[in-house]
Structure formats: C-alpha cells, structure tokens
Amino acid sequence: MRRRQSYLGKEDSSIHTIVAANLALLAFILAFTFNLTTSRFDARKSFLLQEVNAIETAWLRTDLVRGTQGADIKALLEEYLRIRIVAAENPEKIKETISRSDAIQKEIWSIVTSLIHEVPRTDPVDALFVDAINEMFDIQTNRIAANFTYRIPTTIWIALFVLAMFSFFSVGYLLGMAKQTNWYIILMLSLAFTAIIMVIIDLDSGKGTIQLNQQPLYDLYDRLLIKSST
C-alpha cells in the first residue's frame, strides 16, 4: 500500500512538472508573439509620423520650384494627403487609395524630371527638393510593408494554438485528478490567456479595436489648407 501511494505521489509530481513546463512554454510563445505585434505597431506609428513630416517638407520645398509647376505639385501633394485620410476613414478602400497614390507619385515625378531636363541644374536647391520627394515615396513603401506584408507567420500561429490546446488539456487533466475542482481558477486562467491571444490577434490584423491615431494627418491637412489660403 505504501509503495502504491509512493508511486502515485511520483506520478502526480511528474504531471505537475509537465503542466508547469507547458504553461511556461506557452507564456514564452505568447510573450514572443506579443513583442512581434507591438514592435510592428510601433513601426506603423513611426512610419505614419515620418510620412506626415515628409509630405509637409515636400510641400514646403515646392516653393523652390520655378514656374507654375510648383503649384501643380502642391495640388498633387494635397490630393496625396487627402487620400491618406480617406484610407484611414475607409479601410475597405485601401487598394484604391494605394493605386491612386502610385498614380500621383508618377505624376509628381514626371513634373520633377521635366523640370530638371528643361533647364539642367545641379545646385543644392534641386537636390533638397528631389530628396524630399524621394523620401516621401520611400516612406509609402515602408508603410505598406509594415501594414500588410510583415505579419505574424502562419507557422507561429499554428504553434501557438497547438501549444495552447495541449497546455489547457494538461491543466484540465491535472485539475480533474483533484478531489474538488476549483472552477474559479480554471475561469481566471482561461480568461487571462484568451485575453492576451485576442490582443495579439487584434494588433496583428490592424483592423481591430486597437488603431493608430490618425490625428497627425488631419493636423497636417489643416495646416496646408491654412498655408494655401494665405
């Protein structure tokens, strides 16, 4: 009888160890995945602010452009900013806004190249303006990649859900061996892990309740309208 009790005690100890290891590994994977999503969210916010600054810089430097082309580029930049606001307010139109952004970029670059070829100049004024336009174009590429390309890989999602399933199964098995099941602990544990997973899904999708504050876009548009009217 003592040998049986000793054996059961060792078995219970090994089960506790396995359950603890599963939960620790699940917590590690959740922390790793959460870090990926928060890093991507921070990158999206950084690219938004960079694009706002780049558009405003390009808009201001159009005053260095000779002739009427400067006004044409300003009008295109204002439309470029407007469709950013449309995309922020209507996520379902993102493909149309990206397509129109590319078309505006081509129109702006066509004007820039015609200016350079019309009267060849290599002074720093031209370099400043062209650099501002190029930076604005590059940041759009970065924003598209951060928003739609660099998502959590499917392999990580599969590993996360498989590990969560095994972890909760082992916890359920361990609690089932107890004389009295504590449903409060089960509920709190399930809610805690589920809440973290839902936050990760929300951040990774980019379409959930956690959204970037687009106020810098609206502020810039108001500033450009004021400057255009003066």
Protein backbone atom coordinates (compact mmCIF):
# COMPACT_ATOMS: atom_id res chain seq x y z
CA MET A 1 0.00 0.00 0.00
CA ARG A 2 2.84 2.37 0.84
CA ARG A 3 4.54 1.52 -2.46
CA ARG A 4 1.33 2.39 -4.36
CA GLN A 5 0.98 5.72 -2.55
CA SER A 6 4.64 6.49 -3.23
CA TYR A 7 4.18 5.67 -6.90
CA LEU A 8 1.10 7.86 -7.17
CA GLY A 9 2.95 10.69 -5.48
CA LYS A 10 5.76 10.46 -8.00
CA GLU A 11 3.25 10.33 -10.85
CA ASP A 12 1.47 13.41 -9.53
CA SER A 13 4.80 15.19 -9.25
CA SER A 14 5.70 14.40 -12.87
CA ILE A 15 2.28 15.60 -14.07
CA HIS A 16 2.75 18.86 -12.18
CA THR A 17 6.15 19.27 -13.83
CA ILE A 18 4.75 18.65 -17.32
CA VAL A 19 1.87 21.07 -16.78
CA ALA A 20 4.20 23.76 -15.44
CA ALA A 21 6.56 23.27 -18.40
CA ASN A 22 3.68 23.53 -20.89
CA LEU A 23 2.36 26.72 -19.30
CA ALA A 24 5.85 28.24 -19.14
CA LEU A 25 6.43 27.46 -22.83
CA LEU A 26 3.02 28.87 -23.73
CA ALA A 27 3.78 32.05 -21.76
CA PHE A 28 7.11 32.35 -23.60
CA ILE A 29 5.49 31.96 -27.03
CA LEU A 30 2.79 34.48 -26.09
CA ALA A 31 5.42 36.99 -24.92
CA PHE A 32 7.42 36.47 -28.12
CA THR A 33 4.35 36.89 -30.33
CA PHE A 34 3.12 39.90 -28.36
CA ASN A 35 6.53 41.52 -28.79
CA LEU A 36 6.32 40.98 -32.55
CA THR A 37 2.93 42.65 -32.79
CA THR A 38 3.83 45.59 -30.55
CA SER A 39 7.06 46.17 -32.49
CA ARG A 40 5.09 46.22 -35.73
CA PHE A 41 2.53 48.60 -34.20
CA ASP A 42 5.35 50.94 -33.11
CA ALA A 43 6.84 50.75 -36.61
CA ARG A 44 3.49 51.67 -38.17
CA LYS A 45 3.20 54.65 -35.84
CA SER A 46 6.76 55.75 -36.63
CA PHE A 47 6.18 55.50 -40.40
CA LEU A 48 2.95 57.50 -40.07
CA LEU A 49 4.77 60.36 -38.37
CA GLN A 50 7.64 60.14 -40.85
CA GLU A 51 5.24 60.31 -43.78
CA VAL A 52 3.44 63.33 -42.32
CA ASN A 53 6.78 65.12 -41.94
CA ALA A 54 7.93 64.06 -45.41
CA ILE A 55 4.74 65.31 -47.09
CA GLU A 56 4.93 68.65 -45.30
CA THR A 57 8.63 69.02 -46.16
CA ALA A 58 7.98 68.24 -49.82
CA TRP A 59 5.04 70.65 -49.86
CA LEU A 60 7.15 73.47 -48.40
CA ARG A 61 10.04 72.84 -50.78
CA THR A 62 7.77 73.19 -53.80
CA ASP A 63 8.22 76.93 -53.22
CA LEU A 64 11.74 76.39 -54.56
CA VAL A 65 10.37 75.13 -57.87
CA ARG A 66 10.38 77.65 -60.69
CA GLY A 67 7.37 78.40 -62.86
CA THR A 68 3.84 77.09 -62.44
CA GLN A 69 4.97 73.51 -61.81
CA GLY A 70 5.32 74.25 -58.10
CA ALA A 71 1.59 74.95 -57.80
CA ASP A 72 0.82 71.77 -59.74
CA ILE A 73 2.96 69.69 -57.40
CA LYS A 74 1.33 71.33 -54.35
CA ALA A 75 -2.11 70.39 -55.64
CA LEU A 76 -0.98 66.81 -56.18
CA LEU A 77 0.54 66.68 -52.69
CA GLU A 78 -2.71 67.93 -51.18
CA GLU A 79 -4.61 65.18 -53.00
CA TYR A 80 -1.94 62.71 -51.89
CA LEU A 81 -2.68 63.70 -48.29
CA ARG A 82 -6.46 63.61 -48.80
CA ILE A 83 -6.43 60.01 -49.96
CA ARG A 84 -4.40 59.14 -46.87
CA ILE A 85 -7.28 60.47 -44.81
CA VAL A 86 -9.79 58.58 -46.97
CA ALA A 87 -7.83 55.37 -46.38
CA ALA A 88 -7.78 56.00 -42.62
CA GLU A 89 -11.54 56.57 -42.52
CA ASN A 90 -12.45 53.84 -45.02
CA PRO A 91 -10.11 50.82 -44.66
CA GLU A 92 -12.12 48.92 -47.26
CA LYS A 93 -10.87 51.39 -49.90
CA ILE A 94 -7.21 50.76 -49.17
CA LYS A 95 -6.47 49.14 -52.55
CA GLU A 96 -7.99 52.07 -54.44
CA THR A 97 -6.09 54.61 -52.36
CA ILE A 98 -2.77 52.81 -52.83
CA SER A 99 -3.38 52.66 -56.58
CA ARG A 100 -4.18 56.38 -56.68
CA SER A 101 -1.12 57.14 -54.53
CA ASP A 102 1.08 55.35 -57.05
CA ALA A 103 -0.51 57.33 -59.88
CA ILE A 104 0.09 60.63 -58.05
CA GLN A 105 3.70 59.66 -57.43
CA LYS A 106 4.18 59.07 -61.15
CA GLU A 107 2.60 62.45 -61.96
CA ILE A 108 4.82 64.25 -59.44
CA TRP A 109 7.94 62.51 -60.66
CA SER A 110 7.05 63.30 -64.26
CA ILE A 111 6.91 67.00 -63.36
CA VAL A 112 10.18 66.78 -61.43
CA THR A 113 12.06 65.10 -64.27
CA SER A 114 10.67 67.57 -66.81
CA LEU A 115 11.88 70.45 -64.63
CA ILE A 116 15.37 69.01 -64.37
CA HIS A 117 15.60 68.24 -68.09
CA GLU A 118 14.10 71.52 -69.17
CA VAL A 119 16.88 73.60 -67.69
CA PRO A 120 19.59 71.28 -66.37
CA ARG A 121 20.60 72.34 -62.87
CA THR A 122 22.68 70.61 -60.26
CA ASP A 123 22.56 73.15 -57.46
CA PRO A 124 21.66 72.21 -53.84
CA VAL A 125 18.16 73.67 -54.23
CA ASP A 126 17.19 70.98 -56.72
CA ALA A 127 18.83 68.32 -54.56
CA LEU A 128 16.81 69.36 -51.50
CA PHE A 129 13.53 69.21 -53.38
CA VAL A 130 14.26 65.87 -55.09
CA ASP A 131 15.40 64.34 -51.78
CA ALA A 132 12.13 65.37 -50.12
CA ILE A 133 10.09 63.80 -52.92
CA ASN A 134 12.14 60.59 -52.85
CA GLU A 135 11.81 60.30 -49.07
CA MET A 136 8.05 60.70 -49.31
CA PHE A 137 7.88 57.91 -51.91
CA ASP A 138 10.11 55.60 -49.86
CA ILE A 139 8.05 56.01 -46.71
CA GLN A 140 4.90 54.92 -48.52
CA THR A 141 6.68 51.66 -49.38
CA ASN A 142 7.66 51.24 -45.73
CA ARG A 143 4.11 51.90 -44.53
CA ILE A 144 2.58 49.40 -46.95
CA ALA A 145 5.10 46.75 -45.88
CA ALA A 146 4.53 47.41 -42.17
CA ASN A 147 0.75 47.36 -42.53
CA PHE A 148 0.15 44.50 -44.93
CA THR A 149 3.30 42.47 -45.57
CA TYR A 150 5.11 41.85 -42.31
CA ARG A 151 2.50 39.92 -40.34
CA ILE A 152 2.96 37.11 -37.84
CA PRO A 153 3.85 34.00 -39.89
CA THR A 154 1.26 31.23 -40.12
CA THR A 155 3.72 28.75 -38.62
CA ILE A 156 3.87 30.77 -35.40
CA TRP A 157 0.07 30.94 -35.20
CA ILE A 158 -0.18 27.15 -35.65
CA ALA A 159 2.47 26.53 -32.99
CA LEU A 160 0.75 28.96 -30.63
CA PHE A 161 -2.70 27.38 -30.91
CA VAL A 162 -1.39 23.81 -30.77
CA LEU A 163 0.64 24.63 -27.67
CA ALA A 164 -2.35 26.37 -26.08
CA MET A 165 -4.52 23.33 -26.75
CA PHE A 166 -2.02 20.94 -25.16
CA SER A 167 -1.47 23.29 -22.21
CA PHE A 168 -5.16 23.63 -21.41
CA PHE A 169 -5.66 19.90 -21.89
CA SER A 170 -2.89 19.14 -19.41
CA VAL A 171 -4.27 21.69 -16.94
CA GLY A 172 -7.72 20.15 -17.26
CA TYR A 173 -6.28 16.68 -16.72
CA LEU A 174 -4.42 17.82 -13.62
CA LEU A 175 -7.43 19.57 -12.13
CA GLY A 176 -9.59 16.57 -12.95
CA MET A 177 -7.39 14.44 -10.72
CA ALA A 178 -8.12 16.71 -7.76
CA LYS A 179 -10.79 15.76 -5.26
CA GLN A 180 -12.58 19.06 -5.79
CA THR A 181 -12.38 21.16 -8.96
CA ASN A 182 -11.80 24.89 -8.47
CA TRP A 183 -13.77 26.46 -11.31
CA TYR A 184 -12.64 29.97 -10.38
CA ILE A 185 -9.02 29.10 -11.12
CA ILE A 186 -9.97 27.47 -14.42
CA LEU A 187 -12.04 30.51 -15.43
CA MET A 188 -9.36 33.04 -14.48
CA LEU A 189 -6.61 31.07 -16.24
CA SER A 190 -8.69 30.68 -19.41
CA LEU A 191 -9.68 34.34 -19.48
CA ALA A 192 -6.10 35.52 -18.91
CA PHE A 193 -4.61 33.51 -21.79
CA THR A 194 -7.59 34.20 -24.06
CA ALA A 195 -7.35 37.95 -23.44
CA ILE A 196 -3.66 38.02 -24.40
CA ILE A 197 -4.28 35.97 -27.55
CA MET A 198 -7.16 38.27 -28.56
CA VAL A 199 -4.97 41.35 -28.08
CA ILE A 200 -2.27 39.78 -30.25
CA ILE A 201 -4.80 38.95 -32.99
CA ASP A 202 -6.22 42.48 -32.81
CA LEU A 203 -2.79 44.12 -33.08
CA ASP A 204 -1.66 41.84 -35.90
CA SER A 205 -4.78 42.32 -38.01
CA GLY A 206 -4.54 46.12 -38.00
CA LYS A 207 -8.33 46.23 -38.42
CA GLY A 208 -9.45 45.62 -34.86
CA THR A 209 -10.22 47.89 -31.95
CA ILE A 210 -6.58 48.94 -31.44
CA GLN A 211 -5.93 51.50 -34.15
CA LEU A 212 -3.30 54.12 -34.84
CA ASN A 213 -4.29 57.67 -34.02
CA GLN A 214 -4.50 59.39 -37.41
CA GLN A 215 -4.70 62.89 -35.91
CA PRO A 216 -1.28 63.93 -37.35
CA LEU A 217 -2.76 63.53 -40.85
CA TYR A 218 -5.72 65.76 -40.03
CA ASP A 219 -3.48 68.36 -38.38
CA LEU A 220 -1.20 68.46 -41.42
CA TYR A 221 -4.14 68.82 -43.79
CA ASP A 222 -5.45 71.75 -41.76
CA ARG A 223 -2.02 73.39 -41.81
CA LEU A 224 -1.69 73.01 -45.57
CA LEU A 225 -5.14 74.47 -46.14
CA ILE A 226 -4.26 77.48 -43.98
CA LYS A 227 -0.96 77.98 -45.78
CA SER A 228 -2.61 77.62 -49.19
CA SER A 229 -5.19 80.28 -48.36
CA THR A 230 -2.62 82.82 -47.19
